[in-house]
Amino acid sequence: NSIQSFIDWVGIRNSRTNCHAMLVFLAIRNLGKVAYISQQLPAKDQEPCQVVLRIMQLYSRVVPSTKVTPERANDVIRMLFETHQEFLFGQFMQAESSPLTVAQLHSYLASLGDADALRLFLLSGLCITCGNGAAQGGTDCWGSRFLDDNNAWSTLLVIEALQKLEE
């Protein structure tokens, strides 16, 4: 119920462009973690989010989904990668972020001038969290390996805390 309320708050169901962008973002985000790909770039561009941004910019044929994505959706995809570079959602969940980093996230999102930026960033954080543990594989995986009853509550508390940045 709380997750459904959050999804309603994000409004992803009302925007085909944002939904498309989110799906592409989630589909391509792990390309940045592939050593063979990242090692093809200069050292300054080898952080996972930066790898994907550079691929989108310089080698778009490697991510054909971005070639058929409307430009507004590609803007959202870039915004998500850039925001994940600025603020590490997982570190915040583990209480490894300082209040300063939250203030910097707030300033960064305000500078974007996009009313949906915070909402989409939080949804992408939830989606990424849902995928935690997926690499363990197995045929008995029904739903998220990470987002069980205990972790779901802490994840929702993190999201609730960050939702206050919109106020």
C-alpha atoms as a PDB file:
ATOM      1  CA  ASN A   1       0.000   0.000   0.000  1.00  0.00           C
ATOM      2  CA  SER A   2       2.784   2.467   0.867  1.00  0.00           C
ATOM      3  CA  ILE A   3       4.645   1.602  -2.316  1.00  0.00           C
ATOM      4  CA  GLN A   4       1.455   2.126  -4.333  1.00  0.00           C
ATOM      5  CA  SER A   5       0.982   5.520  -2.656  1.00  0.00           C
ATOM      6  CA  PHE A   6       4.549   6.412  -3.548  1.00  0.00           C
ATOM      7  CA  ILE A   7       4.016   5.365  -7.189  1.00  0.00           C
ATOM      8  CA  ASP A   8       0.889   7.538  -7.285  1.00  0.00           C
ATOM      9  CA  TRP A   9       2.883  10.466  -5.833  1.00  0.00           C
ATOM     10  CA  VAL A  10       5.555  10.050  -8.508  1.00  0.00           C
ATOM     11  CA  GLY A  11       2.881  10.153 -11.217  1.00  0.00           C
ATOM     12  CA  ILE A  12       4.769   7.802 -13.522  1.00  0.00           C
ATOM     13  CA  ARG A  13       1.489   6.342 -14.790  1.00  0.00           C
ATOM     14  CA  ASN A  14       0.545   9.758 -16.186  1.00  0.00           C
ATOM     15  CA  SER A  15       3.614  10.244 -18.359  1.00  0.00           C
ATOM     16  CA  ARG A  16       4.489   7.852 -21.129  1.00  0.00           C
ATOM     17  CA  THR A  17       7.763   9.746 -21.672  1.00  0.00           C
ATOM     18  CA  ASN A  18       8.869   9.411 -18.038  1.00  0.00           C
ATOM     19  CA  CYS A  19       7.848   5.754 -17.945  1.00  0.00           C
ATOM     20  CA  HIS A  20       9.819   5.080 -21.148  1.00  0.00           C
ATOM     21  CA  ALA A  21      12.822   6.966 -19.772  1.00  0.00           C
ATOM     22  CA  MET A  22      12.729   5.020 -16.492  1.00  0.00           C
ATOM     23  CA  LEU A  23      12.626   1.669 -18.267  1.00  0.00           C
ATOM     24  CA  VAL A  24      15.552   2.595 -20.530  1.00  0.00           C
ATOM     25  CA  PHE A  25      17.525   3.979 -17.567  1.00  0.00           C
ATOM     26  CA  LEU A  26      17.055   0.733 -15.641  1.00  0.00           C
ATOM     27  CA  ALA A  27      17.893  -1.365 -18.697  1.00  0.00           C
ATOM     28  CA  ILE A  28      21.198   0.358 -19.481  1.00  0.00           C
ATOM     29  CA  ARG A  29      22.474   1.512 -16.073  1.00  0.00           C
ATOM     30  CA  ASN A  30      24.647  -1.541 -15.422  1.00  0.00           C
ATOM     31  CA  LEU A  31      26.602  -1.020 -18.649  1.00  0.00           C
ATOM     32  CA  GLY A  32      28.655   1.428 -16.614  1.00  0.00           C
ATOM     33  CA  LYS A  33      29.845  -1.421 -14.391  1.00  0.00           C
ATOM     34  CA  VAL A  34      31.190  -3.551 -17.246  1.00  0.00           C
ATOM     35  CA  ALA A  35      34.971  -3.321 -16.967  1.00  0.00           C
ATOM     36  CA  TYR A  36      35.568  -3.984 -20.670  1.00  0.00           C
ATOM     37  CA  ILE A  37      33.416  -0.981 -21.558  1.00  0.00           C
ATOM     38  CA  SER A  38      34.612   1.414 -18.861  1.00  0.00           C
ATOM     39  CA  GLN A  39      38.279   0.687 -19.629  1.00  0.00           C
ATOM     40  CA  GLN A  40      37.736   2.020 -23.151  1.00  0.00           C
ATOM     41  CA  LEU A  41      37.201   5.499 -21.690  1.00  0.00           C
ATOM     42  CA  PRO A  42      39.634   7.952 -20.074  1.00  0.00           C
ATOM     43  CA  ALA A  43      40.167   7.399 -16.334  1.00  0.00           C
ATOM     44  CA  LYS A  44      38.135  10.506 -15.454  1.00  0.00           C
ATOM     45  CA  ASP A  45      35.077   8.961 -17.158  1.00  0.00           C
ATOM     46  CA  GLN A  46      35.203   5.490 -15.588  1.00  0.00           C
ATOM     47  CA  GLU A  47      32.659   6.045 -12.791  1.00  0.00           C
ATOM     48  CA  PRO A  48      29.621   3.859 -13.715  1.00  0.00           C
ATOM     49  CA  CYS A  49      27.100   6.682 -14.307  1.00  0.00           C
ATOM     50  CA  GLN A  50      29.660   8.676 -16.266  1.00  0.00           C
ATOM     51  CA  VAL A  51      30.454   5.621 -18.411  1.00  0.00           C
ATOM     52  CA  VAL A  52      26.843   5.356 -19.544  1.00  0.00           C
ATOM     53  CA  LEU A  53      26.558   9.105 -20.114  1.00  0.00           C
ATOM     54  CA  ARG A  54      29.686   9.035 -22.304  1.00  0.00           C
ATOM     55  CA  ILE A  55      28.412   6.006 -24.217  1.00  0.00           C
ATOM     56  CA  MET A  56      25.108   7.783 -24.853  1.00  0.00           C
ATOM     57  CA  GLN A  57      26.992  10.864 -26.038  1.00  0.00           C
ATOM     58  CA  LEU A  58      29.784   9.322 -28.095  1.00  0.00           C
ATOM     59  CA  TYR A  59      28.765   5.750 -28.948  1.00  0.00           C
ATOM     60  CA  SER A  60      24.987   5.758 -29.118  1.00  0.00           C
ATOM     61  CA  ARG A  61      24.993   2.660 -31.341  1.00  0.00           C
ATOM     62  CA  VAL A  62      26.050   0.692 -28.221  1.00  0.00           C
ATOM     63  CA  VAL A  63      22.751   1.634 -26.570  1.00  0.00           C
ATOM     64  CA  PRO A  64      20.262   1.514 -29.449  1.00  0.00           C
ATOM     65  CA  SER A  65      17.329   1.988 -27.079  1.00  0.00           C
ATOM     66  CA  THR A  66      18.420   5.614 -26.644  1.00  0.00           C
ATOM     67  CA  LYS A  67      18.395   6.142 -30.414  1.00  0.00           C
ATOM     68  CA  VAL A  68      14.682   5.330 -30.662  1.00  0.00           C
ATOM     69  CA  THR A  69      13.790   7.149 -27.445  1.00  0.00           C
ATOM     70  CA  PRO A  70      12.233  10.614 -27.781  1.00  0.00           C
ATOM     71  CA  GLU A  71      14.634  13.453 -26.950  1.00  0.00           C
ATOM     72  CA  ARG A  72      12.659  14.457 -23.828  1.00  0.00           C
ATOM     73  CA  ALA A  73      12.997  10.877 -22.539  1.00  0.00           C
ATOM     74  CA  ASN A  74      16.735  10.954 -23.248  1.00  0.00           C
ATOM     75  CA  ASP A  75      16.916  14.200 -21.264  1.00  0.00           C
ATOM     76  CA  VAL A  76      15.248  12.405 -18.334  1.00  0.00           C
ATOM     77  CA  ILE A  77      17.661   9.467 -18.676  1.00  0.00           C
ATOM     78  CA  ARG A  78      20.653  11.830 -18.603  1.00  0.00           C
ATOM     79  CA  MET A  79      19.173  13.671 -15.612  1.00  0.00           C
ATOM     80  CA  LEU A  80      18.796  10.383 -13.717  1.00  0.00           C
ATOM     81  CA  PHE A  81      22.402   9.356 -14.371  1.00  0.00           C
ATOM     82  CA  GLU A  82      23.692  12.796 -13.437  1.00  0.00           C
ATOM     83  CA  THR A  83      21.618  12.854 -10.241  1.00  0.00           C
ATOM     84  CA  HIS A  84      22.847   9.394  -9.257  1.00  0.00           C
ATOM     85  CA  GLN A  85      26.378  10.724  -9.752  1.00  0.00           C
ATOM     86  CA  GLU A  86      25.642  13.652  -7.449  1.00  0.00           C
ATOM     87  CA  PHE A  87      23.896  11.674  -4.711  1.00  0.00           C
ATOM     88  CA  LEU A  88      24.467   8.019  -3.896  1.00  0.00           C
ATOM     89  CA  PHE A  89      21.042   6.688  -2.898  1.00  0.00           C
ATOM     90  CA  GLY A  90      22.471   3.448  -1.489  1.00  0.00           C
ATOM     91  CA  GLN A  91      24.915   5.299   0.748  1.00  0.00           C
ATOM     92  CA  PHE A  92      22.077   7.412   2.105  1.00  0.00           C
ATOM     93  CA  MET A  93      20.083   4.240   2.831  1.00  0.00           C
ATOM     94  CA  GLN A  94      23.018   2.920   4.848  1.00  0.00           C
ATOM     95  CA  ALA A  95      23.318   6.209   6.789  1.00  0.00           C
ATOM     96  CA  GLU A  96      26.655   6.974   5.130  1.00  0.00           C
ATOM     97  CA  SER A  97      25.626  10.408   3.862  1.00  0.00           C
ATOM     98  CA  SER A  98      25.974  13.651   5.734  1.00  0.00           C
ATOM     99  CA  PRO A  99      23.306  16.345   5.966  1.00  0.00           C
ATOM    100  CA  LEU A 100      25.512  18.349   3.611  1.00  0.00           C
ATOM    101  CA  THR A 101      25.061  15.796   0.820  1.00  0.00           C
ATOM    102  CA  VAL A 102      21.288  16.000   1.250  1.00  0.00           C
ATOM    103  CA  ALA A 103      21.499  19.800   1.051  1.00  0.00           C
ATOM    104  CA  GLN A 104      23.638  19.462  -2.082  1.00  0.00           C
ATOM    105  CA  LEU A 105      21.064  17.107  -3.610  1.00  0.00           C
ATOM    106  CA  HIS A 106      18.345  19.646  -2.848  1.00  0.00           C
ATOM    107  CA  SER A 107      20.355  22.447  -4.496  1.00  0.00           C
ATOM    108  CA  TYR A 108      21.218  20.268  -7.470  1.00  0.00           C
ATOM    109  CA  LEU A 109      17.602  19.260  -8.074  1.00  0.00           C
ATOM    110  CA  ALA A 110      16.464  22.885  -7.714  1.00  0.00           C
ATOM    111  CA  SER A 111      19.046  23.932 -10.311  1.00  0.00           C
ATOM    112  CA  LEU A 112      17.543  21.497 -12.821  1.00  0.00           C
ATOM    113  CA  GLY A 113      14.230  23.333 -12.828  1.00  0.00           C
ATOM    114  CA  ASP A 114      12.390  20.056 -13.487  1.00  0.00           C
ATOM    115  CA  ALA A 115       9.415  19.471 -11.208  1.00  0.00           C
ATOM    116  CA  ASP A 116       9.619  15.711 -11.806  1.00  0.00           C
ATOM    117  CA  ALA A 117      13.353  15.358 -11.083  1.00  0.00           C
ATOM    118  CA  LEU A 118      13.086  14.444  -7.390  1.00  0.00           C
ATOM    119  CA  ARG A 119      10.155  12.116  -7.959  1.00  0.00           C
ATOM    120  CA  LEU A 120      11.860  10.268 -10.795  1.00  0.00           C
ATOM    121  CA  PHE A 121      15.140  10.083  -8.901  1.00  0.00           C
ATOM    122  CA  LEU A 122      13.403   8.521  -5.884  1.00  0.00           C
ATOM    123  CA  LEU A 123      11.533   6.057  -8.094  1.00  0.00           C
ATOM    124  CA  SER A 124      14.782   5.054  -9.786  1.00  0.00           C
ATOM    125  CA  GLY A 125      16.327   4.545  -6.340  1.00  0.00           C
ATOM    126  CA  LEU A 126      13.432   2.283  -5.354  1.00  0.00           C
ATOM    127  CA  CYS A 127      13.703   0.326  -8.601  1.00  0.00           C
ATOM    128  CA  ILE A 128      17.448  -0.118  -8.166  1.00  0.00           C
ATOM    129  CA  THR A 129      16.864  -1.275  -4.584  1.00  0.00           C
ATOM    130  CA  CYS A 130      14.328  -3.817  -5.835  1.00  0.00           C
ATOM    131  CA  GLY A 131      17.040  -5.267  -8.060  1.00  0.00           C
ATOM    132  CA  ASN A 132      19.553  -5.734  -5.228  1.00  0.00           C
ATOM    133  CA  GLY A 133      20.466  -9.384  -4.907  1.00  0.00           C
ATOM    134  CA  ALA A 134      19.219 -10.252  -8.380  1.00  0.00           C
ATOM    135  CA  ALA A 135      22.700 -11.377  -9.444  1.00  0.00           C
ATOM    136  CA  GLN A 136      22.356 -14.310  -7.058  1.00  0.00           C
ATOM    137  CA  GLY A 137      19.982 -15.795  -9.605  1.00  0.00           C
ATOM    138  CA  GLY A 138      18.107 -18.948  -8.916  1.00  0.00           C
ATOM    139  CA  THR A 139      14.828 -20.246 -10.197  1.00  0.00           C
ATOM    140  CA  ASP A 140      12.912 -19.648  -6.986  1.00  0.00           C
ATOM    141  CA  CYS A 141      13.038 -15.840  -7.090  1.00  0.00           C
ATOM    142  CA  TRP A 142       9.533 -14.426  -6.886  1.00  0.00           C
ATOM    143  CA  GLY A 143       9.853 -10.684  -6.519  1.00  0.00           C
ATOM    144  CA  SER A 144      12.785  -8.815  -5.066  1.00  0.00           C
ATOM    145  CA  ARG A 145      15.413 -10.730  -3.090  1.00  0.00           C
ATOM    146  CA  PHE A 146      16.304  -7.566  -1.179  1.00  0.00           C
ATOM    147  CA  LEU A 147      13.002  -5.791  -0.671  1.00  0.00           C
ATOM    148  CA  ASP A 148      11.499  -8.052   1.984  1.00  0.00           C
ATOM    149  CA  ASP A 149       9.286  -6.827   4.848  1.00  0.00           C
ATOM    150  CA  ASN A 150      12.213  -5.456   6.889  1.00  0.00           C
ATOM    151  CA  ASN A 151      14.078  -3.767   4.050  1.00  0.00           C
ATOM    152  CA  ALA A 152      10.906  -2.411   2.459  1.00  0.00           C
ATOM    153  CA  TRP A 153      10.091  -0.409   5.593  1.00  0.00           C
ATOM    154  CA  SER A 154      13.557   1.091   5.838  1.00  0.00           C
ATOM    155  CA  THR A 155      13.545   1.866   2.109  1.00  0.00           C
ATOM    156  CA  LEU A 156      10.182   3.586   2.385  1.00  0.00           C
ATOM    157  CA  LEU A 157      11.435   5.611   5.360  1.00  0.00           C
ATOM    158  CA  VAL A 158      14.415   6.768   3.290  1.00  0.00           C
ATOM    159  CA  ILE A 159      12.105   7.746   0.444  1.00  0.00           C
ATOM    160  CA  GLU A 160       9.752   9.526   2.850  1.00  0.00           C
ATOM    161  CA  ALA A 161      12.673  11.506   4.281  1.00  0.00           C
ATOM    162  CA  LEU A 162      13.875  12.537   0.823  1.00  0.00           C
ATOM    163  CA  GLN A 163      10.345  13.425  -0.310  1.00  0.00           C
ATOM    164  CA  LYS A 164      10.574  16.328   2.138  1.00  0.00           C
ATOM    165  CA  LEU A 165      13.068  17.962  -0.241  1.00  0.00           C
ATOM    166  CA  GLU A 166      10.081  18.861  -2.384  1.00  0.00           C
ATOM    167  CA  GLU A 167       8.548  21.008   0.378  1.00  0.00           C
END
